[in-house]
């Protein structure tokens, strides 16, 4: 048995570490099989030496977040635990140093994982960015946040959001109403992000002025989109022809973000995914970045993370690929990485 004492700055910090009804510390105890006891401002961890060392690293990560005024939520505590397993708990400070924008309710939007931080950096420094990964990793939400930030900073004059109108495994038939009402169900995730960042009233005003445009992918053909921030969501459901058409719409002063999940392709039959083709063809093109998320980047309910971790890849493939995000994301779609790093269909 080993024991380690950690001196906390104040009783308030101790309360934050333990969490509401000791929720945070219970997560720590269950994950590392240690016992945690707090006396005043002294936190004492006891258990097997390796477990105590890992638990103390997780606490160190939690303290870094508290120092930078980041609330300890269930997801952030679990992420600190995940980083502690990898010995990278000090990198959690990088998350507090990044900032995107503020919602209409005053909530700051920051990356919650290192994968999200790399994604934001890629958007800042590249003309075209591909964000590929499972559901719940913030691909679309962060892209919309970056678009709103660029618009507010007058870096672009328009925000254009689009996605292919493909049902998720079931035919809904013809929808009533005009064009906007027909495509609304498909574009709802994009609206949610815009409402958070701008508020419904500001959003409606910008749509009326055609500063924000939300449209199905089919209406992009023949256009040249200058000085715009363009987001293509659910790109795994594009055909190769649609993907090429979309990418060639990009004009001067524009930035493009393409998001998708290669494990959720809803195209009929043997139709190839345009996203998969684009990842292969554009891998080494200067100015185009490819970011790959894993189950560790899921920021929804913890059960979503477990579902993604269990179902994204067969066990054999998961073991073989280890912690290679790119390989893990692509393997499920039947793409292998050869020695030169190029995905092969």
Protein backbone atom coordinates (compact mmCIF):
# COMPACT_ATOMS: atom_id res chain seq x y z
CA UNK A 1 0.00 0.00 0.00
CA UNK A 2 1.19 3.50 -0.83
CA UNK A 3 -0.01 6.86 0.37
CA UNK A 4 0.33 10.39 -1.01
CA UNK A 5 -0.74 13.71 0.47
CA UNK A 6 -1.66 16.64 -1.76
CA UNK A 7 -1.91 20.10 -0.18
CA UNK A 8 -4.76 22.13 -1.66
CA UNK A 9 -4.84 25.92 -1.70
CA UNK A 10 -8.12 26.35 0.14
CA UNK A 11 -11.26 24.65 1.37
CA UNK A 12 -13.06 26.01 -1.71
CA UNK A 13 -10.55 24.24 -3.99
CA UNK A 14 -11.03 21.04 -1.99
CA UNK A 15 -14.80 21.32 -2.45
CA UNK A 16 -14.35 21.80 -6.21
CA UNK A 17 -12.05 18.76 -6.45
CA UNK A 18 -14.52 16.58 -4.57
CA UNK A 19 -17.49 17.93 -6.52
CA UNK A 20 -21.18 17.95 -5.73
CA UNK A 21 -21.94 15.09 -3.31
CA UNK A 22 -18.30 13.93 -3.74
CA UNK A 23 -19.09 12.98 -7.35
CA UNK A 24 -15.67 13.84 -8.78
CA UNK A 25 -13.66 12.05 -6.15
CA UNK A 26 -15.87 8.95 -6.47
CA UNK A 27 -15.00 8.83 -10.18
CA UNK A 28 -11.33 9.02 -9.24
CA UNK A 29 -11.62 6.27 -6.62
CA UNK A 30 -13.51 3.92 -8.94
CA UNK A 31 -11.18 4.47 -11.89
CA UNK A 32 -7.89 3.99 -10.02
CA UNK A 33 -9.02 1.75 -7.14
CA UNK A 34 -7.73 4.18 -4.51
CA UNK A 35 -9.18 5.71 -1.35
CA UNK A 36 -9.37 9.50 -1.06
CA UNK A 37 -9.77 11.31 2.26
CA UNK A 38 -9.72 15.06 2.82
CA UNK A 39 -8.83 16.70 6.11
CA UNK A 40 -9.16 20.47 5.82
CA UNK A 41 -7.04 21.37 2.79
CA UNK A 42 -5.06 18.11 2.70
CA UNK A 43 -6.10 15.39 0.27
CA UNK A 44 -4.74 11.93 1.07
CA UNK A 45 -4.71 9.16 -1.55
CA UNK A 46 -3.99 5.55 -0.61
CA UNK A 47 -3.80 2.32 -2.61
CA UNK A 48 -1.39 0.45 -4.87
CA UNK A 49 1.68 2.58 -5.74
CA UNK A 50 0.96 2.74 -9.49
CA UNK A 51 -2.71 3.58 -8.87
CA UNK A 52 -1.89 6.31 -6.35
CA UNK A 53 0.61 7.86 -8.78
CA UNK A 54 -1.96 7.89 -11.60
CA UNK A 55 -4.71 9.28 -9.34
CA UNK A 56 -2.42 12.08 -8.13
CA UNK A 57 -1.68 12.97 -11.78
CA UNK A 58 -5.42 13.21 -12.43
CA UNK A 59 -5.84 15.49 -9.40
CA UNK A 60 -2.98 17.63 -10.75
CA UNK A 61 -4.88 18.04 -14.01
CA UNK A 62 -8.06 18.96 -12.14
CA UNK A 63 -6.17 21.58 -10.12
CA UNK A 64 -4.80 23.12 -13.33
CA UNK A 65 -8.36 23.52 -14.60
CA UNK A 66 -9.48 25.11 -11.30
CA UNK A 67 -6.54 27.55 -11.40
CA UNK A 68 -7.70 28.68 -14.83
CA UNK A 69 -11.33 29.11 -13.69
CA UNK A 70 -12.62 26.13 -15.66
CA UNK A 71 -15.51 24.37 -13.88
CA UNK A 72 -15.01 20.68 -13.13
CA UNK A 73 -17.86 18.96 -14.95
CA UNK A 74 -18.31 15.22 -15.33
CA UNK A 75 -16.76 15.26 -18.83
CA UNK A 76 -13.73 17.34 -17.83
CA UNK A 77 -13.00 15.12 -14.83
CA UNK A 78 -13.20 12.01 -17.00
CA UNK A 79 -10.88 13.63 -19.52
CA UNK A 80 -8.36 14.46 -16.78
CA UNK A 81 -8.50 10.80 -15.77
CA UNK A 82 -7.94 9.77 -19.39
CA UNK A 83 -4.91 12.06 -19.71
CA UNK A 84 -3.52 10.79 -16.40
CA UNK A 85 -3.58 7.24 -17.78
CA UNK A 86 -1.38 8.47 -20.65
CA UNK A 87 0.86 10.60 -18.41
CA UNK A 88 -0.26 13.76 -20.23
CA UNK A 89 -2.25 15.46 -17.47
CA UNK A 90 -0.21 18.70 -17.71
CA UNK A 91 -1.45 19.21 -21.26
CA UNK A 92 -4.90 19.97 -19.87
CA UNK A 93 -3.66 23.56 -19.36
CA UNK A 94 -3.52 23.95 -23.15
CA UNK A 95 -7.31 23.71 -23.21
CA UNK A 96 -7.74 26.69 -20.89
CA UNK A 97 -5.44 28.86 -23.01
CA UNK A 98 -7.65 28.55 -26.11
CA UNK A 99 -10.85 30.50 -26.64
CA UNK A 100 -13.30 30.71 -29.55
CA UNK A 101 -16.29 32.89 -28.71
CA UNK A 102 -19.10 33.42 -26.19
CA UNK A 103 -22.69 32.20 -26.50
CA UNK A 104 -25.62 34.59 -26.14
CA UNK A 105 -25.98 33.31 -22.57
CA UNK A 106 -22.40 34.30 -21.78
CA UNK A 107 -20.90 30.81 -21.79
CA UNK A 108 -17.34 30.77 -23.18
CA UNK A 109 -16.68 28.22 -25.91
CA UNK A 110 -13.33 26.48 -25.52
CA UNK A 111 -11.95 23.15 -26.70
CA UNK A 112 -12.69 20.39 -24.20
CA UNK A 113 -10.15 17.88 -25.52
CA UNK A 114 -6.72 18.05 -27.13
CA UNK A 115 -8.26 16.68 -30.33
CA UNK A 116 -10.67 19.62 -30.42
CA UNK A 117 -7.79 22.05 -29.83
CA UNK A 118 -5.85 20.62 -32.79
CA UNK A 119 -9.02 20.90 -34.89
CA UNK A 120 -9.43 24.60 -34.03
CA UNK A 121 -5.78 25.30 -34.78
CA UNK A 122 -6.14 23.55 -38.14
CA UNK A 123 -9.16 25.73 -39.03
CA UNK A 124 -7.22 28.86 -38.10
CA UNK A 125 -4.17 28.03 -40.22
CA UNK A 126 -5.62 26.24 -43.27
CA UNK A 127 -7.96 27.21 -46.09
CA UNK A 128 -9.70 23.81 -46.06
CA UNK A 129 -10.05 21.59 -42.98
CA UNK A 130 -11.54 18.11 -42.78
CA UNK A 131 -12.89 17.11 -39.36
CA UNK A 132 -13.51 13.35 -39.24
CA UNK A 133 -14.68 11.41 -36.22
CA UNK A 134 -17.56 9.80 -34.31
CA UNK A 135 -20.74 11.47 -33.09
CA UNK A 136 -20.49 13.86 -30.15
CA UNK A 137 -16.94 15.12 -30.74
CA UNK A 138 -18.02 18.73 -31.46
CA UNK A 139 -17.01 18.75 -35.14
CA UNK A 140 -20.01 20.75 -36.35
CA UNK A 141 -20.50 22.91 -33.26
CA UNK A 142 -16.90 24.13 -33.16
CA UNK A 143 -16.92 24.78 -36.91
CA UNK A 144 -20.03 26.95 -36.51
CA UNK A 145 -18.38 28.74 -33.55
CA UNK A 146 -15.30 29.49 -35.67
CA UNK A 147 -17.53 30.76 -38.49
CA UNK A 148 -19.35 33.15 -36.14
CA UNK A 149 -16.04 34.34 -34.70
CA UNK A 150 -14.64 35.01 -38.19
CA UNK A 151 -17.80 36.91 -39.16
CA UNK A 152 -17.76 39.06 -36.01
CA UNK A 153 -14.06 39.85 -36.61
CA UNK A 154 -14.96 40.86 -40.21
CA UNK A 155 -12.63 38.20 -41.60
CA UNK A 156 -15.49 37.00 -43.83
CA UNK A 157 -18.68 38.67 -45.00
CA UNK A 158 -20.92 35.57 -45.20
CA UNK A 159 -21.52 32.25 -43.46
CA UNK A 160 -22.72 29.42 -45.67
CA UNK A 161 -23.83 26.12 -44.13
CA UNK A 162 -24.79 23.09 -46.18
CA UNK A 163 -25.23 19.34 -45.96
CA UNK A 164 -26.53 16.59 -48.26
CA UNK A 165 -30.23 15.80 -47.84
CA UNK A 166 -29.86 12.09 -47.11
CA UNK A 167 -32.10 10.27 -44.61
CA UNK A 168 -30.45 8.19 -41.89
CA UNK A 169 -31.53 4.73 -43.03
CA UNK A 170 -35.23 5.41 -43.53
CA UNK A 171 -37.28 7.08 -46.24
CA UNK A 172 -39.33 9.99 -44.97
CA UNK A 173 -41.12 10.64 -48.26
CA UNK A 174 -42.00 14.07 -49.60
CA UNK A 175 -42.03 16.90 -47.07
CA UNK A 176 -44.59 19.73 -47.16
CA UNK A 177 -43.84 23.43 -47.51
CA UNK A 178 -41.44 25.62 -49.49
CA UNK A 179 -37.74 24.89 -50.02
CA UNK A 180 -36.68 26.18 -46.58
CA UNK A 181 -39.32 24.13 -44.78
CA UNK A 182 -38.37 21.01 -46.75
CA UNK A 183 -34.68 21.17 -45.86
CA UNK A 184 -35.09 22.40 -42.26
CA UNK A 185 -35.16 18.89 -40.72
CA UNK A 186 -31.83 18.04 -42.36
CA UNK A 187 -30.15 21.30 -41.29
CA UNK A 188 -31.37 21.44 -37.68
CA UNK A 189 -27.94 20.64 -36.12
CA UNK A 190 -26.49 23.68 -37.89
CA UNK A 191 -29.33 25.90 -36.66
CA UNK A 192 -28.74 24.78 -33.08
CA UNK A 193 -25.14 26.01 -33.16
CA UNK A 194 -26.09 29.35 -34.73
CA UNK A 195 -28.89 29.94 -32.19
CA UNK A 196 -26.41 29.31 -29.36
CA UNK A 197 -23.86 31.76 -30.74
CA UNK A 198 -26.12 34.50 -32.14
CA UNK A 199 -29.56 34.11 -30.63
CA UNK A 200 -32.72 33.49 -32.67
CA UNK A 201 -33.44 37.18 -33.35
CA UNK A 202 -29.97 38.02 -34.68
CA UNK A 203 -29.93 34.81 -36.70
CA UNK A 204 -33.26 35.64 -38.40
CA UNK A 205 -32.03 39.16 -39.22
CA UNK A 206 -28.80 37.88 -40.80
CA UNK A 207 -30.70 35.24 -42.79
CA UNK A 208 -33.05 37.93 -44.17
CA UNK A 209 -30.01 39.91 -45.33
CA UNK A 210 -28.57 36.69 -46.84
CA UNK A 211 -25.45 37.10 -44.70
CA UNK A 212 -26.13 33.63 -43.31
CA UNK A 213 -27.23 31.05 -45.83
CA UNK A 214 -28.32 27.53 -44.91
CA UNK A 215 -29.04 25.40 -47.96
CA UNK A 216 -28.91 21.81 -49.25
CA UNK A 217 -25.77 20.79 -51.10
CA UNK A 218 -27.60 20.49 -54.44
CA UNK A 219 -27.97 24.29 -54.58
CA UNK A 220 -24.20 24.92 -54.50
CA UNK A 221 -23.56 23.98 -58.15
CA UNK A 222 -22.46 26.82 -60.42
CA UNK A 223 -21.68 29.27 -57.62
CA UNK A 224 -18.43 30.99 -56.66
CA UNK A 225 -18.32 31.66 -52.92
CA UNK A 226 -15.95 34.57 -52.21
CA UNK A 227 -15.15 36.01 -48.78
CA UNK A 228 -17.21 33.32 -47.06
CA UNK A 229 -16.89 30.79 -44.24
CA UNK A 230 -18.35 27.59 -45.71
CA UNK A 231 -19.24 24.48 -43.69
CA UNK A 232 -20.21 21.15 -45.22
CA UNK A 233 -21.73 18.90 -42.55
CA UNK A 234 -22.39 15.13 -42.79
CA UNK A 235 -19.93 14.97 -45.68
CA UNK A 236 -19.76 11.16 -45.50
CA UNK A 237 -23.12 11.20 -47.33
CA UNK A 238 -21.81 13.05 -50.37
CA UNK A 239 -20.89 11.22 -53.56
CA UNK A 240 -17.41 11.82 -55.07
CA UNK A 241 -19.03 14.05 -57.70
CA UNK A 242 -20.82 16.14 -55.06
CA UNK A 243 -17.65 16.50 -53.00
CA UNK A 244 -15.66 17.71 -56.01
CA UNK A 245 -18.46 20.12 -56.92
CA UNK A 246 -18.52 21.51 -53.38
CA UNK A 247 -14.77 21.97 -52.97
CA UNK A 248 -14.51 23.79 -56.30
CA UNK A 249 -17.05 26.42 -55.15
CA UNK A 250 -14.39 28.01 -52.94
CA UNK A 251 -13.52 31.57 -53.96
CA UNK A 252 -11.04 34.25 -52.92
CA UNK A 253 -10.82 34.99 -49.20
CA UNK A 254 -12.95 31.99 -48.21
CA UNK A 255 -12.42 29.25 -45.64
CA UNK A 256 -13.94 25.77 -45.86
CA UNK A 257 -14.61 23.21 -43.11
CA UNK A 258 -15.82 19.72 -44.03
CA UNK A 259 -17.11 17.49 -41.23
CA UNK A 260 -18.22 13.88 -41.29
CA UNK A 261 -18.18 10.45 -39.71
CA UNK A 262 -17.04 7.59 -41.93
CA UNK A 263 -18.84 5.11 -39.65
CA UNK A 264 -22.26 6.65 -40.42
CA UNK A 265 -22.51 6.51 -44.21
CA UNK A 266 -26.18 6.44 -45.30
CA UNK A 267 -25.60 6.30 -49.06
CA UNK A 268 -27.54 3.57 -50.88
CA UNK A 269 -25.98 0.33 -52.04
CA UNK A 270 -22.38 0.40 -53.18
CA UNK A 271 -22.21 4.20 -53.68
CA UNK A 272 -18.78 5.48 -52.69
CA UNK A 273 -18.48 8.24 -50.11
CA UNK A 274 -17.07 11.52 -51.41
CA UNK A 275 -15.51 12.17 -48.01
CA UNK A 276 -13.53 8.93 -48.15
CA UNK A 277 -12.31 9.75 -51.66
CA UNK A 278 -11.36 13.31 -50.68
CA UNK A 279 -9.36 12.12 -47.66
CA UNK A 280 -7.38 9.86 -49.96
CA UNK A 281 -6.76 12.30 -52.81
CA UNK A 282 -6.10 15.47 -50.77
CA UNK A 283 -4.00 14.01 -47.97
CA UNK A 284 -0.71 15.78 -48.75
CA UNK A 285 -2.00 19.00 -50.34
CA UNK A 286 -0.56 22.14 -48.76
CA UNK A 287 -3.25 24.31 -47.16
CA UNK A 288 -5.61 21.37 -46.55
CA UNK A 289 -5.68 19.84 -43.05
CA UNK A 290 -7.21 16.55 -41.93
CA UNK A 291 -8.16 16.18 -38.25
CA UNK A 292 -9.26 12.85 -36.81
CA UNK A 293 -11.24 12.48 -33.59
CA UNK A 294 -11.53 9.33 -31.45
CA UNK A 295 -13.84 8.18 -28.66
CA UNK A 296 -11.66 10.16 -26.21
CA UNK A 297 -12.89 13.37 -27.87
CA UNK A 298 -16.59 12.64 -27.28
CA UNK A 299 -18.04 15.41 -25.08
CA UNK A 300 -21.63 14.23 -24.79
CA UNK A 301 -22.94 11.88 -22.10
CA UNK A 302 -20.39 9.32 -20.90
CA UNK A 303 -22.55 6.52 -22.33
CA UNK A 304 -22.08 8.00 -25.81
CA UNK A 305 -18.34 7.71 -25.33
CA UNK A 306 -18.68 4.07 -24.28
CA UNK A 307 -20.99 3.28 -27.21
CA UNK A 308 -18.54 4.86 -29.66
CA UNK A 309 -15.58 3.10 -28.04
CA UNK A 310 -17.35 -0.27 -28.23
CA UNK A 311 -18.82 0.00 -31.72
CA UNK A 312 -16.50 2.11 -33.86
CA UNK A 313 -14.08 -0.74 -34.55
CA UNK A 314 -13.94 -4.50 -34.13
CA UNK A 315 -11.81 -5.53 -31.13
CA UNK A 316 -9.02 -6.92 -33.32
CA UNK A 317 -8.73 -3.70 -35.30
CA UNK A 318 -8.79 -1.57 -32.15
CA UNK A 319 -5.94 -3.59 -30.64
CA UNK A 320 -3.90 -3.50 -33.82
CA UNK A 321 -4.30 0.24 -34.46
CA UNK A 322 -3.82 1.37 -30.87
CA UNK A 323 -3.95 5.16 -30.44
CA UNK A 324 -3.65 6.15 -34.12
CA UNK A 325 -6.69 8.45 -34.56
CA UNK A 326 -6.45 8.57 -38.36
CA UNK A 327 -6.20 4.82 -38.76
CA UNK A 328 -8.97 4.15 -36.20
CA UNK A 329 -11.39 6.55 -37.94
CA UNK A 330 -10.76 5.16 -41.40
CA UNK A 331 -10.51 1.45 -40.67
CA UNK A 332 -14.21 1.04 -40.00
CA UNK A 333 -14.97 2.38 -43.49
CA UNK A 334 -12.76 -0.28 -45.05
CA UNK A 335 -9.79 1.98 -45.70
CA UNK A 336 -6.28 0.84 -44.89
CA UNK A 337 -3.16 2.94 -44.47
CA UNK A 338 -0.19 1.81 -46.53
CA UNK A 339 3.43 2.54 -45.72
CA UNK A 340 3.28 5.98 -47.31
CA UNK A 341 0.35 6.93 -45.07
CA UNK A 342 -2.10 7.14 -47.97
CA UNK A 343 -5.56 5.66 -47.32
CA UNK A 344 -6.39 2.87 -49.74
CA UNK A 345 -9.92 1.80 -50.70
